[in-house]
Amino acid sequence: MKDLLDDIDRWRADGKRVALARVVDIEGSGPRDPGAAMAVNEIGEVVGSVSGGCVEGAVVTESLSILQGDRAAGIVTFGYSDDEAFAVGLTCGGTIRLFIEELNW
C-alpha cells in the first residue's frame, strides 16, 4: 500500500477521483495475499496489483463503475468456479475477495 501513496497523492492533487481495491480474503490458492492493493483513477490509470495480472482488468472496470456512481462500494468476489473468473484469467484454483471503494481522504 505504501508504494501506491505517491501516485494517489499526485492524482488527488491533480483533482482526480480515485478508487482503491484491496484483497480482504482468499480461499484456497490465491495470486496475492490479503492486504494487496491497487488504485485506479477516474481516467483509468492504475498503480499496484491485487492479482498479479489475472483479474486486474475486471477490477479496473468495477473501480470505474464505483467512481461513476453506477455501483456502490463493496466486496467483489472472483473464484475458480465463476465463469467470470475464467474469462479474466483467474485459474489459480482459489477465490479472492476484494473490497473496492472511492477514496475520500
N, C-alpha and C. Protein backbone atom coordinates (compact mmCIF):
# COMPACT_ATOMS: atom_id res chain seq x y z
N MET A 1 0.82 -1.19 0.00
CA MET A 1 0.00 0.00 0.00
C MET A 1 0.86 1.26 0.00
N LYS A 2 1.96 1.26 0.76
CA LYS A 2 2.80 2.46 0.84
C LYS A 2 3.33 2.87 -0.52
N ASP A 3 3.61 1.90 -1.40
CA ASP A 3 4.14 2.24 -2.71
C ASP A 3 3.09 2.87 -3.62
N LEU A 4 1.82 2.83 -3.23
CA LEU A 4 0.76 3.46 -4.01
C LEU A 4 0.55 4.92 -3.62
N LEU A 5 0.98 5.28 -2.44
CA LEU A 5 0.63 6.59 -1.89
C LEU A 5 1.12 7.77 -2.72
N ASP A 6 2.32 7.69 -3.27
CA ASP A 6 2.82 8.81 -4.08
C ASP A 6 1.93 9.06 -5.28
N ASP A 7 1.53 7.97 -5.97
CA ASP A 7 0.65 8.14 -7.14
C ASP A 7 -0.73 8.63 -6.72
N ILE A 8 -1.27 8.07 -5.63
CA ILE A 8 -2.58 8.51 -5.15
C ILE A 8 -2.54 9.99 -4.78
N ASP A 9 -1.51 10.40 -4.06
CA ASP A 9 -1.37 11.81 -3.68
C ASP A 9 -1.29 12.71 -4.91
N ARG A 10 -0.52 12.28 -5.91
CA ARG A 10 -0.38 13.08 -7.15
C ARG A 10 -1.72 13.19 -7.88
N TRP A 11 -2.41 12.06 -8.00
CA TRP A 11 -3.72 12.08 -8.68
C TRP A 11 -4.69 12.99 -7.95
N ARG A 12 -4.73 12.87 -6.62
CA ARG A 12 -5.65 13.68 -5.83
C ARG A 12 -5.29 15.16 -5.95
N ALA A 13 -3.99 15.48 -5.95
CA ALA A 13 -3.55 16.87 -6.11
C ALA A 13 -3.96 17.42 -7.47
N ASP A 14 -4.03 16.54 -8.47
CA ASP A 14 -4.48 16.94 -9.81
C ASP A 14 -6.00 16.98 -9.93
N GLY A 15 -6.70 16.69 -8.83
CA GLY A 15 -8.16 16.75 -8.83
C GLY A 15 -8.85 15.50 -9.34
N LYS A 16 -8.12 14.42 -9.48
CA LYS A 16 -8.72 13.18 -9.98
C LYS A 16 -9.32 12.38 -8.83
N ARG A 17 -10.45 11.75 -9.10
CA ARG A 17 -11.06 10.85 -8.13
C ARG A 17 -10.35 9.50 -8.23
N VAL A 18 -10.27 8.80 -7.09
CA VAL A 18 -9.50 7.56 -7.00
C VAL A 18 -10.30 6.49 -6.27
N ALA A 19 -10.27 5.28 -6.81
CA ALA A 19 -10.82 4.12 -6.13
C ALA A 19 -9.68 3.23 -5.68
N LEU A 20 -9.88 2.56 -4.54
CA LEU A 20 -8.89 1.65 -4.01
C LEU A 20 -9.51 0.27 -3.88
N ALA A 21 -8.83 -0.73 -4.44
CA ALA A 21 -9.24 -2.12 -4.32
C ALA A 21 -8.23 -2.84 -3.45
N ARG A 22 -8.73 -3.57 -2.45
CA ARG A 22 -7.83 -4.30 -1.54
C ARG A 22 -8.28 -5.74 -1.42
N VAL A 23 -7.33 -6.65 -1.44
CA VAL A 23 -7.63 -8.06 -1.18
C VAL A 23 -7.96 -8.16 0.30
N VAL A 24 -9.18 -8.66 0.60
CA VAL A 24 -9.58 -8.79 2.00
C VAL A 24 -9.69 -10.25 2.43
N ASP A 25 -9.73 -11.18 1.47
CA ASP A 25 -9.85 -12.59 1.83
C ASP A 25 -9.47 -13.44 0.63
N ILE A 26 -8.88 -14.59 0.90
CA ILE A 26 -8.65 -15.60 -0.13
C ILE A 26 -9.06 -16.95 0.44
N GLU A 27 -9.55 -17.80 -0.42
CA GLU A 27 -9.84 -19.18 -0.07
C GLU A 27 -9.08 -20.06 -1.05
N GLY A 28 -8.38 -21.03 -0.55
CA GLY A 28 -7.57 -21.87 -1.42
C GLY A 28 -6.36 -21.09 -1.91
N SER A 29 -5.94 -21.40 -3.10
CA SER A 29 -4.78 -20.75 -3.70
C SER A 29 -5.19 -19.39 -4.26
N GLY A 30 -4.42 -18.37 -3.94
CA GLY A 30 -4.70 -17.03 -4.45
C GLY A 30 -3.43 -16.38 -4.95
N PRO A 31 -3.56 -15.50 -5.92
CA PRO A 31 -2.38 -14.88 -6.51
C PRO A 31 -1.69 -13.87 -5.59
N ARG A 32 -2.45 -13.18 -4.73
CA ARG A 32 -1.87 -12.18 -3.82
C ARG A 32 -2.50 -12.36 -2.44
N ASP A 33 -1.77 -12.04 -1.41
CA ASP A 33 -2.24 -12.16 -0.04
C ASP A 33 -3.17 -11.01 0.33
N PRO A 34 -3.99 -11.21 1.37
CA PRO A 34 -4.80 -10.10 1.88
C PRO A 34 -3.91 -8.90 2.20
N GLY A 35 -4.42 -7.74 1.87
CA GLY A 35 -3.66 -6.51 2.04
C GLY A 35 -3.12 -5.97 0.74
N ALA A 36 -2.97 -6.83 -0.27
CA ALA A 36 -2.51 -6.35 -1.58
C ALA A 36 -3.51 -5.30 -2.08
N ALA A 37 -3.02 -4.26 -2.72
CA ALA A 37 -3.89 -3.16 -3.11
C ALA A 37 -3.58 -2.65 -4.51
N MET A 38 -4.60 -2.06 -5.10
CA MET A 38 -4.49 -1.44 -6.42
C MET A 38 -5.35 -0.19 -6.41
N ALA A 39 -4.84 0.90 -6.95
CA ALA A 39 -5.60 2.14 -7.06
C ALA A 39 -5.87 2.43 -8.53
N VAL A 40 -7.05 2.98 -8.78
CA VAL A 40 -7.48 3.32 -10.14
C VAL A 40 -8.04 4.73 -10.09
N ASN A 41 -7.58 5.60 -11.01
CA ASN A 41 -8.18 6.94 -11.02
C ASN A 41 -9.28 7.00 -12.08
N GLU A 42 -9.98 8.11 -12.09
CA GLU A 42 -11.18 8.24 -12.93
C GLU A 42 -10.90 8.16 -14.44
N ILE A 43 -9.64 8.30 -14.85
CA ILE A 43 -9.35 8.17 -16.28
C ILE A 43 -8.73 6.82 -16.61
N GLY A 44 -8.73 5.92 -15.61
CA GLY A 44 -8.28 4.55 -15.85
C GLY A 44 -6.82 4.28 -15.62
N GLU A 45 -6.08 5.24 -15.06
CA GLU A 45 -4.69 4.97 -14.71
C GLU A 45 -4.66 4.05 -13.49
N VAL A 46 -3.70 3.13 -13.47
CA VAL A 46 -3.65 2.10 -12.44
C VAL A 46 -2.27 2.04 -11.82
N VAL A 47 -2.24 1.78 -10.51
CA VAL A 47 -1.00 1.51 -9.80
C VAL A 47 -1.28 0.40 -8.80
N GLY A 48 -0.33 -0.51 -8.65
CA GLY A 48 -0.48 -1.63 -7.73
C GLY A 48 -1.07 -2.85 -8.41
N SER A 49 -1.29 -3.89 -7.61
CA SER A 49 -1.81 -5.15 -8.14
C SER A 49 -2.54 -5.92 -7.05
N VAL A 50 -3.66 -6.52 -7.42
CA VAL A 50 -4.40 -7.36 -6.48
C VAL A 50 -4.39 -8.82 -6.89
N SER A 51 -3.87 -9.10 -8.08
CA SER A 51 -3.92 -10.49 -8.53
C SER A 51 -2.74 -10.89 -9.41
N GLY A 52 -1.72 -10.09 -9.47
CA GLY A 52 -0.60 -10.43 -10.33
C GLY A 52 -0.96 -10.38 -11.81
N GLY A 53 -2.07 -9.75 -12.13
CA GLY A 53 -2.46 -9.55 -13.52
C GLY A 53 -3.69 -10.29 -13.97
N CYS A 54 -4.10 -11.35 -13.26
CA CYS A 54 -5.17 -12.19 -13.81
C CYS A 54 -6.56 -11.59 -13.73
N VAL A 55 -6.87 -10.72 -12.78
CA VAL A 55 -8.20 -10.09 -12.76
C VAL A 55 -8.13 -8.57 -12.76
N GLU A 56 -6.96 -8.02 -12.99
CA GLU A 56 -6.78 -6.58 -12.94
C GLU A 56 -7.77 -5.82 -13.84
N GLY A 57 -7.98 -6.29 -15.05
CA GLY A 57 -8.90 -5.61 -15.97
C GLY A 57 -10.31 -5.53 -15.42
N ALA A 58 -10.79 -6.61 -14.83
CA ALA A 58 -12.12 -6.62 -14.24
C ALA A 58 -12.19 -5.69 -13.02
N VAL A 59 -11.11 -5.61 -12.26
CA VAL A 59 -11.06 -4.73 -11.10
C VAL A 59 -11.09 -3.27 -11.54
N VAL A 60 -10.41 -2.94 -12.62
CA VAL A 60 -10.46 -1.59 -13.17
C VAL A 60 -11.89 -1.25 -13.56
N THR A 61 -12.57 -2.16 -14.23
CA THR A 61 -13.96 -1.94 -14.64
C THR A 61 -14.85 -1.70 -13.43
N GLU A 62 -14.72 -2.52 -12.40
CA GLU A 62 -15.51 -2.36 -11.17
C GLU A 62 -15.19 -1.03 -10.49
N SER A 63 -13.91 -0.67 -10.44
CA SER A 63 -13.49 0.58 -9.80
C SER A 63 -14.06 1.78 -10.54
N LEU A 64 -14.00 1.77 -11.86
CA LEU A 64 -14.56 2.88 -12.64
C LEU A 64 -16.07 2.97 -12.46
N SER A 65 -16.74 1.84 -12.32
CA SER A 65 -18.19 1.85 -12.07
C SER A 65 -18.51 2.53 -10.75
N ILE A 66 -17.69 2.29 -9.74
CA ILE A 66 -17.88 2.95 -8.45
C ILE A 66 -17.64 4.45 -8.58
N LEU A 67 -16.57 4.84 -9.25
CA LEU A 67 -16.26 6.26 -9.42
C LEU A 67 -17.32 6.99 -10.24
N GLN A 68 -17.98 6.29 -11.16
CA GLN A 68 -19.02 6.89 -11.99
C GLN A 68 -20.39 6.85 -11.32
N GLY A 69 -20.47 6.23 -10.14
CA GLY A 69 -21.73 6.16 -9.42
C GLY A 69 -22.67 5.07 -9.90
N ASP A 70 -22.16 4.15 -10.72
CA ASP A 70 -23.00 3.08 -11.26
C ASP A 70 -23.16 1.92 -10.29
N ARG A 71 -22.30 1.83 -9.28
CA ARG A 71 -22.42 0.79 -8.25
C ARG A 71 -21.84 1.33 -6.96
N ALA A 72 -22.27 0.73 -5.87
CA ALA A 72 -21.78 1.15 -4.55
C ALA A 72 -20.48 0.44 -4.22
N ALA A 73 -19.73 1.04 -3.32
CA ALA A 73 -18.53 0.39 -2.80
C ALA A 73 -18.93 -0.93 -2.16
N GLY A 74 -18.01 -1.89 -2.18
CA GLY A 74 -18.30 -3.15 -1.52
C GLY A 74 -17.38 -4.26 -1.95
N ILE A 75 -17.77 -5.47 -1.58
CA ILE A 75 -16.99 -6.68 -1.85
C ILE A 75 -17.27 -7.19 -3.25
N VAL A 76 -16.21 -7.53 -3.96
CA VAL A 76 -16.29 -8.18 -5.27
C VAL A 76 -15.52 -9.49 -5.15
N THR A 77 -16.12 -10.57 -5.63
CA THR A 77 -15.52 -11.89 -5.49
C THR A 77 -15.20 -12.49 -6.85
N PHE A 78 -14.01 -13.05 -6.96
CA PHE A 78 -13.61 -13.82 -8.14
C PHE A 78 -13.18 -15.19 -7.65
N GLY A 79 -13.79 -16.23 -8.22
CA GLY A 79 -13.46 -17.57 -7.77
C GLY A 79 -13.26 -18.52 -8.91
N TYR A 80 -12.61 -19.61 -8.60
CA TYR A 80 -12.26 -20.62 -9.60
C TYR A 80 -13.49 -21.13 -10.34
N SER A 81 -14.60 -21.26 -9.65
CA SER A 81 -15.80 -21.81 -10.29
C SER A 81 -16.63 -20.75 -11.00
N ASP A 82 -16.28 -19.50 -10.85
CA ASP A 82 -17.03 -18.44 -11.50
C ASP A 82 -16.67 -18.35 -12.98
N ASP A 83 -17.68 -18.29 -13.84
CA ASP A 83 -17.42 -18.10 -15.27
C ASP A 83 -16.61 -16.83 -15.51
N GLU A 84 -16.92 -15.78 -14.75
CA GLU A 84 -16.20 -14.52 -14.92
C GLU A 84 -14.73 -14.68 -14.56
N ALA A 85 -14.44 -15.47 -13.56
CA ALA A 85 -13.04 -15.69 -13.17
C ALA A 85 -12.27 -16.33 -14.31
N PHE A 86 -12.85 -17.33 -14.96
CA PHE A 86 -12.19 -17.95 -16.11
C PHE A 86 -12.01 -16.93 -17.23
N ALA A 87 -13.03 -16.11 -17.45
CA ALA A 87 -12.97 -15.14 -18.54
C ALA A 87 -11.84 -14.15 -18.35
N VAL A 88 -11.55 -13.78 -17.09
CA VAL A 88 -10.50 -12.80 -16.85
C VAL A 88 -9.17 -13.45 -16.51
N GLY A 89 -9.13 -14.78 -16.43
CA GLY A 89 -7.86 -15.46 -16.27
C GLY A 89 -7.51 -15.95 -14.88
N LEU A 90 -8.46 -15.97 -13.95
CA LEU A 90 -8.17 -16.46 -12.59
C LEU A 90 -8.29 -17.97 -12.59
N THR A 91 -7.19 -18.62 -12.81
CA THR A 91 -7.18 -20.08 -12.87
C THR A 91 -6.33 -20.68 -11.77
N CYS A 92 -6.08 -19.92 -10.71
CA CYS A 92 -5.20 -20.38 -9.64
C CYS A 92 -5.87 -21.40 -8.73
N GLY A 93 -7.17 -21.60 -8.88
CA GLY A 93 -7.85 -22.61 -8.10
C GLY A 93 -8.49 -22.10 -6.84
N GLY A 94 -8.38 -20.85 -6.53
CA GLY A 94 -8.95 -20.30 -5.31
C GLY A 94 -9.98 -19.23 -5.58
N THR A 95 -10.36 -18.57 -4.52
CA THR A 95 -11.31 -17.46 -4.58
C THR A 95 -10.66 -16.26 -3.91
N ILE A 96 -10.78 -15.09 -4.53
CA ILE A 96 -10.30 -13.86 -3.90
C ILE A 96 -11.47 -12.91 -3.73
N ARG A 97 -11.46 -12.22 -2.60
CA ARG A 97 -12.47 -11.20 -2.33
C ARG A 97 -11.76 -9.87 -2.18
N LEU A 98 -12.29 -8.89 -2.87
CA LEU A 98 -11.72 -7.54 -2.85
C LEU A 98 -12.76 -6.58 -2.30
N PHE A 99 -12.30 -5.60 -1.54
CA PHE A 99 -13.16 -4.50 -1.16
C PHE A 99 -12.73 -3.31 -1.99
N ILE A 100 -13.68 -2.75 -2.73
CA ILE A 100 -13.38 -1.61 -3.61
C ILE A 100 -14.21 -0.43 -3.15
N GLU A 101 -13.53 0.72 -2.98
CA GLU A 101 -14.22 1.93 -2.54
C GLU A 101 -13.54 3.15 -3.14
N GLU A 102 -14.29 4.23 -3.20
CA GLU A 102 -13.69 5.52 -3.58
C GLU A 102 -12.98 6.09 -2.37
N LEU A 103 -11.79 6.63 -2.60
CA LEU A 103 -11.06 7.28 -1.51
C LEU A 103 -11.61 8.68 -1.32
N ASN A 104 -11.90 9.00 -0.09
CA ASN A 104 -12.45 10.32 0.23
C ASN A 104 -11.62 11.04 1.28
N TRP A 105 -10.32 10.80 1.31
CA TRP A 105 -9.44 11.48 2.26
C TRP A 105 -8.46 12.34 1.54
